[in-house]
PDB file of all heavy atoms in Angstrom:
ATOM      1  N   GLY A   1       8.139   8.031   3.112  1.00  0.00           N
ATOM      2  CA  GLY A   1       7.168   7.650   4.137  1.00  0.00           C
ATOM      3  C   GLY A   1       5.838   7.151   3.595  1.00  0.00           C
ATOM      4  O   GLY A   1       4.862   7.060   4.346  1.00  0.00           O
ATOM      5  N   SER A   2       5.775   6.801   2.326  1.00  0.00           N
ATOM      6  CA  SER A   2       4.512   6.369   1.715  1.00  0.00           C
ATOM      7  C   SER A   2       3.916   5.148   2.406  1.00  0.00           C
ATOM      8  O   SER A   2       2.712   5.099   2.664  1.00  0.00           O
ATOM      9  CB  SER A   2       4.707   6.065   0.230  1.00  0.00           C
ATOM     10  OG  SER A   2       5.025   7.225  -0.487  1.00  0.00           O
ATOM     11  N   LEU A   3       4.728   4.153   2.706  1.00  0.00           N
ATOM     12  CA  LEU A   3       4.204   2.928   3.314  1.00  0.00           C
ATOM     13  C   LEU A   3       3.563   3.206   4.671  1.00  0.00           C
ATOM     14  O   LEU A   3       2.508   2.648   4.983  1.00  0.00           O
ATOM     15  CB  LEU A   3       5.299   1.871   3.446  1.00  0.00           C
ATOM     16  CG  LEU A   3       4.831   0.528   4.015  1.00  0.00           C
ATOM     17  CD1 LEU A   3       3.713  -0.079   3.172  1.00  0.00           C
ATOM     18  CD2 LEU A   3       6.016  -0.434   4.123  1.00  0.00           C
ATOM     19  N   GLU A   4       4.135   4.090   5.446  1.00  0.00           N
ATOM     20  CA  GLU A   4       3.557   4.422   6.750  1.00  0.00           C
ATOM     21  C   GLU A   4       2.181   5.067   6.586  1.00  0.00           C
ATOM     22  O   GLU A   4       1.249   4.779   7.342  1.00  0.00           O
ATOM     23  CB  GLU A   4       4.488   5.343   7.542  1.00  0.00           C
ATOM     24  CG  GLU A   4       5.750   4.664   8.027  1.00  0.00           C
ATOM     25  CD  GLU A   4       6.827   4.511   6.955  1.00  0.00           C
ATOM     26  OE1 GLU A   4       6.750   5.163   5.883  1.00  0.00           O
ATOM     27  OE2 GLU A   4       7.757   3.709   7.182  1.00  0.00           O
ATOM     28  N   ILE A   5       2.037   5.928   5.599  1.00  0.00           N
ATOM     29  CA  ILE A   5       0.741   6.566   5.330  1.00  0.00           C
ATOM     30  C   ILE A   5      -0.275   5.515   4.890  1.00  0.00           C
ATOM     31  O   ILE A   5      -1.419   5.499   5.358  1.00  0.00           O
ATOM     32  CB  ILE A   5       0.894   7.677   4.273  1.00  0.00           C
ATOM     33  CG1 ILE A   5       1.774   8.806   4.812  1.00  0.00           C
ATOM     34  CG2 ILE A   5      -0.473   8.208   3.838  1.00  0.00           C
ATOM     35  CD1 ILE A   5       2.218   9.812   3.772  1.00  0.00           C
ATOM     36  N   ILE A   6       0.133   4.631   4.010  1.00  0.00           N
ATOM     37  CA  ILE A   6      -0.746   3.570   3.534  1.00  0.00           C
ATOM     38  C   ILE A   6      -1.216   2.703   4.701  1.00  0.00           C
ATOM     39  O   ILE A   6      -2.406   2.395   4.832  1.00  0.00           O
ATOM     40  CB  ILE A   6      -0.020   2.700   2.478  1.00  0.00           C
ATOM     41  CG1 ILE A   6       0.252   3.513   1.214  1.00  0.00           C
ATOM     42  CG2 ILE A   6      -0.820   1.440   2.165  1.00  0.00           C
ATOM     43  CD1 ILE A   6       1.248   2.861   0.262  1.00  0.00           C
ATOM     44  N   GLU A   7      -0.300   2.298   5.542  1.00  0.00           N
ATOM     45  CA  GLU A   7      -0.641   1.445   6.687  1.00  0.00           C
ATOM     46  C   GLU A   7      -1.579   2.149   7.661  1.00  0.00           C
ATOM     47  O   GLU A   7      -2.452   1.508   8.256  1.00  0.00           O
ATOM     48  CB  GLU A   7       0.627   0.968   7.382  1.00  0.00           C
ATOM     49  CG  GLU A   7       1.397  -0.037   6.551  1.00  0.00           C
ATOM     50  CD  GLU A   7       2.739  -0.429   7.142  1.00  0.00           C
ATOM     51  OE1 GLU A   7       3.284   0.320   7.997  1.00  0.00           O
ATOM     52  OE2 GLU A   7       3.251  -1.493   6.741  1.00  0.00           O
ATOM     53  N   LYS A   8      -1.414   3.457   7.808  1.00  0.00           N
ATOM     54  CA  LYS A   8      -2.314   4.218   8.680  1.00  0.00           C
ATOM     55  C   LYS A   8      -3.747   4.133   8.163  1.00  0.00           C
ATOM     56  O   LYS A   8      -4.678   3.859   8.920  1.00  0.00           O
ATOM     57  CB  LYS A   8      -1.855   5.680   8.752  1.00  0.00           C
ATOM     58  CG  LYS A   8      -2.776   6.585   9.564  1.00  0.00           C
ATOM     59  CD  LYS A   8      -2.301   8.032   9.551  1.00  0.00           C
ATOM     60  CE  LYS A   8      -2.635   8.662   8.217  1.00  0.00           C
ATOM     61  NZ  LYS A   8      -2.417  10.107   8.164  1.00  0.00           N
ATOM     62  N   TYR A   9      -3.935   4.330   6.884  1.00  0.00           N
ATOM     63  CA  TYR A   9      -5.271   4.254   6.294  1.00  0.00           C
ATOM     64  C   TYR A   9      -5.820   2.832   6.354  1.00  0.00           C
ATOM     65  O   TYR A   9      -6.987   2.619   6.666  1.00  0.00           O
ATOM     66  CB  TYR A   9      -5.278   4.785   4.859  1.00  0.00           C
ATOM     67  CG  TYR A   9      -5.361   6.277   4.800  1.00  0.00           C
ATOM     68  CD1 TYR A   9      -4.216   7.056   4.897  1.00  0.00           C
ATOM     69  CD2 TYR A   9      -6.578   6.924   4.688  1.00  0.00           C
ATOM     70  CE1 TYR A   9      -4.280   8.441   4.866  1.00  0.00           C
ATOM     71  CE2 TYR A   9      -6.660   8.308   4.653  1.00  0.00           C
ATOM     72  CZ  TYR A   9      -5.504   9.054   4.750  1.00  0.00           C
ATOM     73  OH  TYR A   9      -5.580  10.434   4.728  1.00  0.00           O
ATOM     74  N   ALA A  10      -4.975   1.865   6.061  1.00  0.00           N
ATOM     75  CA  ALA A  10      -5.420   0.468   6.070  1.00  0.00           C
ATOM     76  C   ALA A  10      -5.874   0.035   7.461  1.00  0.00           C
ATOM     77  O   ALA A  10      -6.789  -0.788   7.588  1.00  0.00           O
ATOM     78  CB  ALA A  10      -4.307  -0.440   5.573  1.00  0.00           C
ATOM     79  N   SER A  11      -5.290   0.591   8.491  1.00  0.00           N
ATOM     80  CA  SER A  11      -5.687   0.223   9.854  1.00  0.00           C
ATOM     81  C   SER A  11      -7.038   0.818  10.240  1.00  0.00           C
ATOM     82  O   SER A  11      -7.679   0.339  11.165  1.00  0.00           O
ATOM     83  CB  SER A  11      -4.614   0.649  10.858  1.00  0.00           C
ATOM     84  OG  SER A  11      -4.580   2.057  11.006  1.00  0.00           O
ATOM     85  N   HIS A  12      -7.489   1.841   9.515  1.00  0.00           N
ATOM     86  CA  HIS A  12      -8.762   2.497   9.823  1.00  0.00           C
ATOM     87  C   HIS A  12      -9.902   2.115   8.879  1.00  0.00           C
ATOM     88  O   HIS A  12     -11.063   2.358   9.192  1.00  0.00           O
ATOM     89  CB  HIS A  12      -8.588   4.019   9.793  1.00  0.00           C
ATOM     90  CG  HIS A  12      -7.818   4.540  10.955  1.00  0.00           C
ATOM     91  ND1 HIS A  12      -6.462   4.772  10.896  1.00  0.00           N
ATOM     92  CD2 HIS A  12      -8.192   4.841  12.212  1.00  0.00           C
ATOM     93  CE1 HIS A  12      -6.050   5.217  12.061  1.00  0.00           C
ATOM     94  NE2 HIS A  12      -7.069   5.271  12.887  1.00  0.00           N
ATOM     95  N   TYR A  13      -9.590   1.556   7.727  1.00  0.00           N
ATOM     96  CA  TYR A  13     -10.616   1.259   6.722  1.00  0.00           C
ATOM     97  C   TYR A  13     -10.501  -0.200   6.288  1.00  0.00           C
ATOM     98  O   TYR A  13      -9.487  -0.596   5.708  1.00  0.00           O
ATOM     99  CB  TYR A  13     -10.480   2.193   5.512  1.00  0.00           C
ATOM    100  CG  TYR A  13     -10.678   3.636   5.878  1.00  0.00           C
ATOM    101  CD1 TYR A  13      -9.593   4.450   6.193  1.00  0.00           C
ATOM    102  CD2 TYR A  13     -11.956   4.183   5.932  1.00  0.00           C
ATOM    103  CE1 TYR A  13      -9.775   5.780   6.550  1.00  0.00           C
ATOM    104  CE2 TYR A  13     -12.141   5.512   6.294  1.00  0.00           C
ATOM    105  CZ  TYR A  13     -11.051   6.291   6.597  1.00  0.00           C
ATOM    106  OH  TYR A  13     -11.228   7.610   6.951  1.00  0.00           O
ATOM    107  N   LYS A  14     -11.534  -0.964   6.559  1.00  0.00           N
ATOM    108  CA  LYS A  14     -11.499  -2.398   6.281  1.00  0.00           C
ATOM    109  C   LYS A  14     -11.561  -2.728   4.792  1.00  0.00           C
ATOM    110  O   LYS A  14     -11.264  -3.854   4.404  1.00  0.00           O
ATOM    111  CB  LYS A  14     -12.628  -3.110   7.026  1.00  0.00           C
ATOM    112  CG  LYS A  14     -14.004  -2.695   6.575  1.00  0.00           C
ATOM    113  CD  LYS A  14     -15.079  -3.405   7.341  1.00  0.00           C
ATOM    114  CE  LYS A  14     -16.431  -2.915   6.815  1.00  0.00           C
ATOM    115  NZ  LYS A  14     -17.518  -3.644   7.311  1.00  0.00           N
ATOM    116  N   ASN A  15     -11.941  -1.778   3.954  1.00  0.00           N
ATOM    117  CA  ASN A  15     -12.034  -2.039   2.512  1.00  0.00           C
ATOM    118  C   ASN A  15     -10.736  -1.736   1.762  1.00  0.00           C
ATOM    119  O   ASN A  15     -10.704  -1.771   0.545  1.00  0.00           O
ATOM    120  CB  ASN A  15     -13.191  -1.257   1.899  1.00  0.00           C
ATOM    121  CG  ASN A  15     -13.044   0.245   2.030  1.00  0.00           C
ATOM    122  OD1 ASN A  15     -12.421   0.747   2.965  1.00  0.00           O
ATOM    123  ND2 ASN A  15     -13.643   0.971   1.111  1.00  0.00           N
ATOM    124  N   ILE A  16      -9.656  -1.489   2.506  1.00  0.00           N
ATOM    125  CA  ILE A  16      -8.358  -1.237   1.886  1.00  0.00           C
ATOM    126  C   ILE A  16      -7.519  -2.507   1.925  1.00  0.00           C
ATOM    127  O   ILE A  16      -7.355  -3.130   2.967  1.00  0.00           O
ATOM    128  CB  ILE A  16      -7.603  -0.087   2.588  1.00  0.00           C
ATOM    129  CG1 ILE A  16      -8.327   1.238   2.363  1.00  0.00           C
ATOM    130  CG2 ILE A  16      -6.165   0.001   2.094  1.00  0.00           C
ATOM    131  CD1 ILE A  16      -7.677   2.430   3.034  1.00  0.00           C
ATOM    132  N   VAL A  17      -6.994  -2.867   0.761  1.00  0.00           N
ATOM    133  CA  VAL A  17      -6.064  -3.984   0.625  1.00  0.00           C
ATOM    134  C   VAL A  17      -4.703  -3.389   0.276  1.00  0.00           C
ATOM    135  O   VAL A  17      -4.606  -2.574  -0.654  1.00  0.00           O
ATOM    136  CB  VAL A  17      -6.516  -4.947  -0.498  1.00  0.00           C
ATOM    137  CG1 VAL A  17      -5.489  -6.039  -0.724  1.00  0.00           C
ATOM    138  CG2 VAL A  17      -7.890  -5.516  -0.198  1.00  0.00           C
ATOM    139  N   VAL A  18      -3.681  -3.777   1.003  1.00  0.00           N
ATOM    140  CA  VAL A  18      -2.332  -3.252   0.764  1.00  0.00           C
ATOM    141  C   VAL A  18      -1.459  -4.362   0.193  1.00  0.00           C
ATOM    142  O   VAL A  18      -1.419  -5.472   0.729  1.00  0.00           O
ATOM    143  CB  VAL A  18      -1.705  -2.713   2.066  1.00  0.00           C
ATOM    144  CG1 VAL A  18      -0.279  -2.243   1.819  1.00  0.00           C
ATOM    145  CG2 VAL A  18      -2.555  -1.605   2.651  1.00  0.00           C
ATOM    146  N   ILE A  19      -0.785  -4.030  -0.875  1.00  0.00           N
ATOM    147  CA  ILE A  19       0.222  -4.914  -1.449  1.00  0.00           C
ATOM    148  C   ILE A  19       1.540  -4.158  -1.382  1.00  0.00           C
ATOM    149  O   ILE A  19       1.651  -3.053  -1.906  1.00  0.00           O
ATOM    150  CB  ILE A  19      -0.112  -5.286  -2.909  1.00  0.00           C
ATOM    151  CG1 ILE A  19      -1.462  -6.016  -2.976  1.00  0.00           C
ATOM    152  CG2 ILE A  19       1.011  -6.141  -3.507  1.00  0.00           C
ATOM    153  CD1 ILE A  19      -1.984  -6.216  -4.380  1.00  0.00           C
ATOM    154  N   ASN A  20       2.511  -4.748  -0.719  1.00  0.00           N
ATOM    155  CA  ASN A  20       3.822  -4.122  -0.565  1.00  0.00           C
ATOM    156  C   ASN A  20       4.834  -4.978  -1.317  1.00  0.00           C
ATOM    157  O   ASN A  20       4.940  -6.172  -1.064  1.00  0.00           O
ATOM    158  CB  ASN A  20       4.177  -4.015   0.915  1.00  0.00           C
ATOM    159  CG  ASN A  20       5.389  -3.164   1.156  1.00  0.00           C
ATOM    160  OD1 ASN A  20       5.617  -2.183   0.461  1.00  0.00           O
ATOM    161  ND2 ASN A  20       6.178  -3.534   2.139  1.00  0.00           N
ATOM    162  N   GLN A  21       5.540  -4.395  -2.257  1.00  0.00           N
ATOM    163  CA  GLN A  21       6.467  -5.156  -3.090  1.00  0.00           C
ATOM    164  C   GLN A  21       7.718  -4.342  -3.369  1.00  0.00           C
ATOM    165  O   GLN A  21       7.724  -3.126  -3.223  1.00  0.00           O
ATOM    166  CB  GLN A  21       5.794  -5.535  -4.410  1.00  0.00           C
ATOM    167  CG  GLN A  21       5.458  -4.317  -5.259  1.00  0.00           C
ATOM    168  CD  GLN A  21       4.687  -4.655  -6.517  1.00  0.00           C
ATOM    169  OE1 GLN A  21       3.998  -5.658  -6.572  1.00  0.00           O
ATOM    170  NE2 GLN A  21       4.811  -3.823  -7.532  1.00  0.00           N
ATOM    171  N   LYS A  22       8.772  -5.037  -3.786  1.00  0.00           N
ATOM    172  CA  LYS A  22       9.962  -4.321  -4.257  1.00  0.00           C
ATOM    173  C   LYS A  22       9.594  -3.634  -5.565  1.00  0.00           C
ATOM    174  O   LYS A  22       8.643  -4.029  -6.249  1.00  0.00           O
ATOM    175  CB  LYS A  22      11.144  -5.262  -4.446  1.00  0.00           C
ATOM    176  CG  LYS A  22      10.954  -6.285  -5.521  1.00  0.00           C
ATOM    177  CD  LYS A  22      12.180  -7.167  -5.658  1.00  0.00           C
ATOM    178  CE  LYS A  22      11.949  -8.137  -6.812  1.00  0.00           C
ATOM    179  NZ  LYS A  22      13.127  -8.850  -7.183  1.00  0.00           N
ATOM    180  N   ASN A  23      10.334  -2.613  -5.919  1.00  0.00           N
ATOM    181  CA  ASN A  23      10.019  -1.820  -7.106  1.00  0.00           C
ATOM    182  C   ASN A  23      10.037  -2.674  -8.368  1.00  0.00           C
ATOM    183  O   ASN A  23      11.027  -3.317  -8.678  1.00  0.00           O
ATOM    184  CB  ASN A  23      11.011  -0.660  -7.242  1.00  0.00           C
ATOM    185  CG  ASN A  23      10.655   0.248  -8.381  1.00  0.00           C
ATOM    186  OD1 ASN A  23      11.157   0.104  -9.475  1.00  0.00           O
ATOM    187  ND2 ASN A  23       9.767   1.189  -8.129  1.00  0.00           N
ATOM    188  N   GLN A  24       8.874  -2.673  -9.056  1.00  0.00           N
ATOM    189  CA  GLN A  24       8.741  -3.439 -10.294  1.00  0.00           C
ATOM    190  C   GLN A  24       8.215  -2.587 -11.447  1.00  0.00           C
ATOM    191  O   GLN A  24       8.009  -3.086 -12.539  1.00  0.00           O
ATOM    192  CB  GLN A  24       7.819  -4.633 -10.070  1.00  0.00           C
ATOM    193  CG  GLN A  24       8.388  -5.623  -9.067  1.00  0.00           C
ATOM    194  CD  GLN A  24       7.523  -6.845  -8.919  1.00  0.00           C
ATOM    195  OE1 GLN A  24       7.130  -7.446  -9.910  1.00  0.00           O
ATOM    196  NE2 GLN A  24       7.219  -7.200  -7.685  1.00  0.00           N
ATOM    197  N   GLY A  25       7.931  -1.328 -11.175  1.00  0.00           N
ATOM    198  CA  GLY A  25       7.441  -0.442 -12.222  1.00  0.00           C
ATOM    199  C   GLY A  25       5.925  -0.428 -12.313  1.00  0.00           C
ATOM    200  O   GLY A  25       5.232  -1.299 -11.789  1.00  0.00           O
ATOM    201  N   LEU A  26       5.415   0.580 -12.993  1.00  0.00           N
ATOM    202  CA  LEU A  26       3.982   0.828 -13.049  1.00  0.00           C
ATOM    203  C   LEU A  26       3.198  -0.300 -13.714  1.00  0.00           C
ATOM    204  O   LEU A  26       2.155  -0.709 -13.221  1.00  0.00           O
ATOM    205  CB  LEU A  26       3.706   2.158 -13.760  1.00  0.00           C
ATOM    206  CG  LEU A  26       2.262   2.637 -13.778  1.00  0.00           C
ATOM    207  CD1 LEU A  26       1.711   2.772 -12.364  1.00  0.00           C
ATOM    208  CD2 LEU A  26       2.163   3.953 -14.524  1.00  0.00           C
ATOM    209  N   TYR A  27       3.685  -0.818 -14.827  1.00  0.00           N
ATOM    210  CA  TYR A  27       2.954  -1.871 -15.532  1.00  0.00           C
ATOM    211  C   TYR A  27       2.752  -3.099 -14.643  1.00  0.00           C
ATOM    212  O   TYR A  27       1.636  -3.606 -14.503  1.00  0.00           O
ATOM    213  CB  TYR A  27       3.677  -2.273 -16.821  1.00  0.00           C
ATOM    214  CG  TYR A  27       3.024  -3.440 -17.510  1.00  0.00           C
ATOM    215  CD1 TYR A  27       1.863  -3.255 -18.261  1.00  0.00           C
ATOM    216  CD2 TYR A  27       3.530  -4.723 -17.385  1.00  0.00           C
ATOM    217  CE1 TYR A  27       1.237  -4.327 -18.876  1.00  0.00           C
ATOM    218  CE2 TYR A  27       2.903  -5.796 -17.993  1.00  0.00           C
ATOM    219  CZ  TYR A  27       1.767  -5.596 -18.734  1.00  0.00           C
ATOM    220  OH  TYR A  27       1.134  -6.661 -19.327  1.00  0.00           O
ATOM    221  N   LYS A  28       3.810  -3.585 -14.040  1.00  0.00           N
ATOM    222  CA  LYS A  28       3.732  -4.774 -13.186  1.00  0.00           C
ATOM    223  C   LYS A  28       2.889  -4.494 -11.952  1.00  0.00           C
ATOM    224  O   LYS A  28       2.110  -5.352 -11.508  1.00  0.00           O
ATOM    225  CB  LYS A  28       5.146  -5.225 -12.802  1.00  0.00           C
ATOM    226  CG  LYS A  28       5.180  -6.500 -12.040  1.00  0.00           C
ATOM    227  CD  LYS A  28       4.777  -7.670 -12.907  1.00  0.00           C
ATOM    228  CE  LYS A  28       4.986  -8.975 -12.160  1.00  0.00           C
ATOM    229  NZ  LYS A  28       4.417 -10.114 -12.844  1.00  0.00           N
ATOM    230  N   THR A  29       3.006  -3.303 -11.405  1.00  0.00           N
ATOM    231  CA  THR A  29       2.222  -2.928 -10.228  1.00  0.00           C
ATOM    232  C   THR A  29       0.730  -2.982 -10.536  1.00  0.00           C
ATOM    233  O   THR A  29      -0.055  -3.531  -9.767  1.00  0.00           O
ATOM    234  CB  THR A  29       2.631  -1.515  -9.766  1.00  0.00           C
ATOM    235  OG1 THR A  29       4.008  -1.543  -9.396  1.00  0.00           O
ATOM    236  CG2 THR A  29       1.811  -1.050  -8.589  1.00  0.00           C
TER     237      THR A  29
END
């Protein structure tokens, strides 16, 4: 449920930028 939590915060705080991607690992992220 991580994406749902992220989207909840992003909808309340204008200084949050969300990037949603398929799994690419920590370095690429």
